[in-house]
Amino acid sequence: MWYGEYLHSLDEKNRVVLPSRFRQKIKEKRIKKFYLTRGLERCLFMFAEKDWLRIEEKFSSLSFTKLKARFFNRLYFSGAYETKIDSQGRILIPDYLKNFAQIKKEVVIIGVSDRVEIWDKSSWDEFYEENRKNFEEMAENIFEG
């Protein structure tokens, strides 16, 4: 549902404008609420409420008696921030999430199917450069069958 790569900047109040294509989709799908949380590889994950609830159900079904499940759920859900898009298409990135993702000013917003990821631009550039060379090999390994 979310696709593409977009360069944006944080304003002085830690708000970022979502890409116009995303704002259009939000309007079409009548999405009212998003959840922003700590992602993997030092990015932020952003889910529409419907997708968040589906993932929340899946993660909450993990056994709390398993150490790694408890640790993961603590970090994942304690970082969650419920947000709405303001009238200018912006979301607020709280300081603790901004610090987690090491976001300075420029961000790259990418669509990854059921979620949006928000990266510090330099972190995204580094991730992309390190991994683009292996893209075909990854495809072979993932889709091998």
C-alpha atoms as a PDB file:
ATOM      1  CA  MET A   1       0.000   0.000   0.000  1.00  0.00           C
ATOM      2  CA  TRP A   2       2.920   2.408   0.702  1.00  0.00           C
ATOM      3  CA  TYR A   3       5.594   2.711  -1.979  1.00  0.00           C
ATOM      4  CA  GLY A   4       8.393   5.037  -2.989  1.00  0.00           C
ATOM      5  CA  GLU A   5      11.277   7.036  -1.550  1.00  0.00           C
ATOM      6  CA  TYR A   6      10.940  10.710  -0.647  1.00  0.00           C
ATOM      7  CA  LEU A   7      13.319  13.300   0.798  1.00  0.00           C
ATOM      8  CA  HIS A   8      11.891  15.717   3.385  1.00  0.00           C
ATOM      9  CA  SER A   9      13.126  17.845   6.298  1.00  0.00           C
ATOM     10  CA  LEU A  10      12.086  18.225   9.908  1.00  0.00           C
ATOM     11  CA  ASP A  11      10.877  21.661  10.883  1.00  0.00           C
ATOM     12  CA  GLU A  12      11.956  23.408  14.091  1.00  0.00           C
ATOM     13  CA  LYS A  13       9.175  21.610  16.037  1.00  0.00           C
ATOM     14  CA  ASN A  14      10.236  18.094  14.899  1.00  0.00           C
ATOM     15  CA  ARG A  15       7.396  17.809  12.399  1.00  0.00           C
ATOM     16  CA  VAL A  16       7.757  16.344   8.948  1.00  0.00           C
ATOM     17  CA  VAL A  17       5.404  16.672   5.985  1.00  0.00           C
ATOM     18  CA  LEU A  18       4.372  13.320   4.573  1.00  0.00           C
ATOM     19  CA  PRO A  19       4.762  12.834   0.819  1.00  0.00           C
ATOM     20  CA  SER A  20       1.792  14.065  -1.219  1.00  0.00           C
ATOM     21  CA  ARG A  21       1.150  10.551  -2.571  1.00  0.00           C
ATOM     22  CA  PHE A  22       0.881   9.280   0.993  1.00  0.00           C
ATOM     23  CA  ARG A  23      -1.435  12.130   1.970  1.00  0.00           C
ATOM     24  CA  GLN A  24      -3.664  11.297  -0.995  1.00  0.00           C
ATOM     25  CA  LYS A  25      -3.800   7.644   0.028  1.00  0.00           C
ATOM     26  CA  ILE A  26      -4.568   8.644   3.635  1.00  0.00           C
ATOM     27  CA  LYS A  27      -7.474  10.701   2.371  1.00  0.00           C
ATOM     28  CA  GLU A  28      -8.746   7.936   0.052  1.00  0.00           C
ATOM     29  CA  LYS A  29      -8.527   5.269   2.769  1.00  0.00           C
ATOM     30  CA  ARG A  30      -9.874   7.629   5.438  1.00  0.00           C
ATOM     31  CA  ILE A  31      -7.005   6.815   7.767  1.00  0.00           C
ATOM     32  CA  LYS A  32      -7.356   8.821  10.953  1.00  0.00           C
ATOM     33  CA  LYS A  33      -4.523   7.560  13.124  1.00  0.00           C
ATOM     34  CA  PHE A  34      -0.969   6.285  12.810  1.00  0.00           C
ATOM     35  CA  TYR A  35       1.446   4.623  15.182  1.00  0.00           C
ATOM     36  CA  LEU A  36       5.105   5.525  15.076  1.00  0.00           C
ATOM     37  CA  THR A  37       7.647   3.316  16.860  1.00  0.00           C
ATOM     38  CA  ARG A  38      11.235   2.128  16.945  1.00  0.00           C
ATOM     39  CA  GLY A  39      12.029   0.179  13.828  1.00  0.00           C
ATOM     40  CA  LEU A  40      14.938  -2.003  12.872  1.00  0.00           C
ATOM     41  CA  GLU A  41      18.292  -0.785  11.498  1.00  0.00           C
ATOM     42  CA  ARG A  42      17.782   2.540  13.332  1.00  0.00           C
ATOM     43  CA  CYS A  43      14.759   3.734  11.395  1.00  0.00           C
ATOM     44  CA  LEU A  44      11.236   4.484  12.577  1.00  0.00           C
ATOM     45  CA  PHE A  45       8.237   2.385  11.596  1.00  0.00           C
ATOM     46  CA  MET A  46       4.904   4.065  10.971  1.00  0.00           C
ATOM     47  CA  PHE A  47       1.722   2.027  10.651  1.00  0.00           C
ATOM     48  CA  ALA A  48      -1.838   3.027   9.847  1.00  0.00           C
ATOM     49  CA  GLU A  49      -4.104   2.089  12.759  1.00  0.00           C
ATOM     50  CA  LYS A  50      -5.565  -0.981  11.015  1.00  0.00           C
ATOM     51  CA  ASP A  51      -2.109  -2.406  10.276  1.00  0.00           C
ATOM     52  CA  TRP A  52      -0.865  -1.531  13.761  1.00  0.00           C
ATOM     53  CA  LEU A  53      -3.736  -3.439  15.386  1.00  0.00           C
ATOM     54  CA  ARG A  54      -3.006  -6.500  13.230  1.00  0.00           C
ATOM     55  CA  ILE A  55       0.667  -6.467  14.224  1.00  0.00           C
ATOM     56  CA  GLU A  56      -0.159  -5.700  17.856  1.00  0.00           C
ATOM     57  CA  GLU A  57      -2.357  -8.792  17.979  1.00  0.00           C
ATOM     58  CA  LYS A  58       0.407 -10.921  16.493  1.00  0.00           C
ATOM     59  CA  PHE A  59       3.114  -9.620  18.846  1.00  0.00           C
ATOM     60  CA  SER A  60       0.918  -9.769  21.934  1.00  0.00           C
ATOM     61  CA  SER A  61       0.297 -13.444  21.236  1.00  0.00           C
ATOM     62  CA  LEU A  62       4.011 -14.135  21.792  1.00  0.00           C
ATOM     63  CA  SER A  63       4.565 -15.916  25.090  1.00  0.00           C
ATOM     64  CA  PHE A  64       5.576 -13.536  27.854  1.00  0.00           C
ATOM     65  CA  THR A  65       7.484 -16.440  29.403  1.00  0.00           C
ATOM     66  CA  LYS A  66      10.019 -16.264  26.571  1.00  0.00           C
ATOM     67  CA  LEU A  67      12.813 -13.819  27.350  1.00  0.00           C
ATOM     68  CA  LYS A  68      13.396 -12.545  23.790  1.00  0.00           C
ATOM     69  CA  ALA A  69       9.659 -12.037  23.227  1.00  0.00           C
ATOM     70  CA  ARG A  70       9.409  -9.967  26.442  1.00  0.00           C
ATOM     71  CA  PHE A  71      12.439  -7.866  25.520  1.00  0.00           C
ATOM     72  CA  PHE A  72      11.248  -7.271  21.968  1.00  0.00           C
ATOM     73  CA  ASN A  73       7.707  -6.329  23.043  1.00  0.00           C
ATOM     74  CA  ARG A  74       9.037  -3.952  25.713  1.00  0.00           C
ATOM     75  CA  LEU A  75      11.242  -2.080  23.282  1.00  0.00           C
ATOM     76  CA  TYR A  76       8.709  -2.109  20.460  1.00  0.00           C
ATOM     77  CA  PHE A  77       5.600  -1.054  22.358  1.00  0.00           C
ATOM     78  CA  SER A  78       7.258   1.298  24.846  1.00  0.00           C
ATOM     79  CA  GLY A  79       8.455   3.277  21.848  1.00  0.00           C
ATOM     80  CA  ALA A  80       5.021   3.545  20.285  1.00  0.00           C
ATOM     81  CA  TYR A  81       3.564   6.990  19.716  1.00  0.00           C
ATOM     82  CA  GLU A  82       0.003   7.504  18.501  1.00  0.00           C
ATOM     83  CA  THR A  83      -0.241  10.374  16.045  1.00  0.00           C
ATOM     84  CA  LYS A  84      -2.609  12.056  13.636  1.00  0.00           C
ATOM     85  CA  ILE A  85      -1.776  13.964  10.484  1.00  0.00           C
ATOM     86  CA  ASP A  86      -2.297  17.692  10.961  1.00  0.00           C
ATOM     87  CA  SER A  87      -4.087  19.929   8.460  1.00  0.00           C
ATOM     88  CA  GLN A  88      -0.822  20.533   6.573  1.00  0.00           C
ATOM     89  CA  GLY A  89      -0.006  16.839   6.234  1.00  0.00           C
ATOM     90  CA  ARG A  90       2.615  16.765   8.989  1.00  0.00           C
ATOM     91  CA  ILE A  91       3.344  14.367  11.808  1.00  0.00           C
ATOM     92  CA  LEU A  92       5.327  15.060  14.956  1.00  0.00           C
ATOM     93  CA  ILE A  93       8.366  12.915  15.681  1.00  0.00           C
ATOM     94  CA  PRO A  94       8.881  12.891  19.462  1.00  0.00           C
ATOM     95  CA  ASP A  95      12.403  13.533  20.730  1.00  0.00           C
ATOM     96  CA  TYR A  96      12.931   9.977  22.005  1.00  0.00           C
ATOM     97  CA  LEU A  97      12.155   8.534  18.541  1.00  0.00           C
ATOM     98  CA  LYS A  98      14.150  11.232  16.783  1.00  0.00           C
ATOM     99  CA  ASN A  99      17.124  10.367  19.007  1.00  0.00           C
ATOM    100  CA  PHE A 100      16.663   6.626  18.490  1.00  0.00           C
ATOM    101  CA  ALA A 101      16.803   7.027  14.697  1.00  0.00           C
ATOM    102  CA  GLN A 102      19.589   9.624  14.980  1.00  0.00           C
ATOM    103  CA  ILE A 103      17.535  12.014  12.874  1.00  0.00           C
ATOM    104  CA  LYS A 104      19.111  15.403  12.427  1.00  0.00           C
ATOM    105  CA  LYS A 105      17.293  17.487   9.808  1.00  0.00           C
ATOM    106  CA  GLU A 106      16.874  15.652   6.505  1.00  0.00           C
ATOM    107  CA  VAL A 107      14.829  12.466   6.463  1.00  0.00           C
ATOM    108  CA  VAL A 108      14.037   9.877   3.847  1.00  0.00           C
ATOM    109  CA  ILE A 109      10.502   8.540   3.996  1.00  0.00           C
ATOM    110  CA  ILE A 110      10.048   5.206   2.279  1.00  0.00           C
ATOM    111  CA  GLY A 111       7.013   3.059   1.642  1.00  0.00           C
ATOM    112  CA  VAL A 112       7.527  -0.610   2.480  1.00  0.00           C
ATOM    113  CA  SER A 113       4.173  -2.176   1.612  1.00  0.00           C
ATOM    114  CA  ASP A 114       2.240  -2.235   4.916  1.00  0.00           C
ATOM    115  CA  ARG A 115       4.406   0.336   6.709  1.00  0.00           C
ATOM    116  CA  VAL A 116       6.230   3.595   6.212  1.00  0.00           C
ATOM    117  CA  GLU A 117       9.826   3.916   7.365  1.00  0.00           C
ATOM    118  CA  ILE A 118      11.441   7.204   8.358  1.00  0.00           C
ATOM    119  CA  TRP A 119      15.234   7.357   8.185  1.00  0.00           C
ATOM    120  CA  ASP A 120      17.848   9.970   8.849  1.00  0.00           C
ATOM    121  CA  LYS A 121      19.122  10.741   5.340  1.00  0.00           C
ATOM    122  CA  SER A 122      22.732   9.791   6.046  1.00  0.00           C
ATOM    123  CA  SER A 123      21.641   6.497   7.666  1.00  0.00           C
ATOM    124  CA  TRP A 124      19.458   5.683   4.667  1.00  0.00           C
ATOM    125  CA  ASP A 125      22.241   6.533   2.209  1.00  0.00           C
ATOM    126  CA  GLU A 126      24.624   4.263   4.109  1.00  0.00           C
ATOM    127  CA  PHE A 127      22.091   1.426   4.324  1.00  0.00           C
ATOM    128  CA  TYR A 128      21.262   1.739   0.626  1.00  0.00           C
ATOM    129  CA  GLU A 129      24.897   1.758  -0.498  1.00  0.00           C
ATOM    130  CA  GLU A 130      25.778  -1.243   1.667  1.00  0.00           C
ATOM    131  CA  ASN A 131      22.835  -3.314   0.455  1.00  0.00           C
ATOM    132  CA  ARG A 132      22.069  -2.355  -3.136  1.00  0.00           C
ATOM    133  CA  LYS A 133      25.009  -4.395  -4.411  1.00  0.00           C
ATOM    134  CA  ASN A 134      23.483  -7.532  -2.893  1.00  0.00           C
ATOM    135  CA  PHE A 135      19.929  -6.887  -4.088  1.00  0.00           C
ATOM    136  CA  GLU A 136      19.945  -9.625  -6.741  1.00  0.00           C
ATOM    137  CA  GLU A 137      21.590 -12.121  -4.397  1.00  0.00           C
ATOM    138  CA  MET A 138      18.989 -11.341  -1.722  1.00  0.00           C
ATOM    139  CA  ALA A 139      16.230 -11.916  -4.251  1.00  0.00           C
ATOM    140  CA  GLU A 140      17.697 -15.291  -5.178  1.00  0.00           C
ATOM    141  CA  ASN A 141      17.957 -16.366  -1.544  1.00  0.00           C
ATOM    142  CA  ILE A 142      14.511 -15.139  -0.547  1.00  0.00           C
ATOM    143  CA  PHE A 143      12.633 -16.499  -3.536  1.00  0.00           C
ATOM    144  CA  GLU A 144      14.652 -19.671  -4.006  1.00  0.00           C
ATOM    145  CA  GLY A 145      12.393 -22.614  -3.947  1.00  0.00           C
END
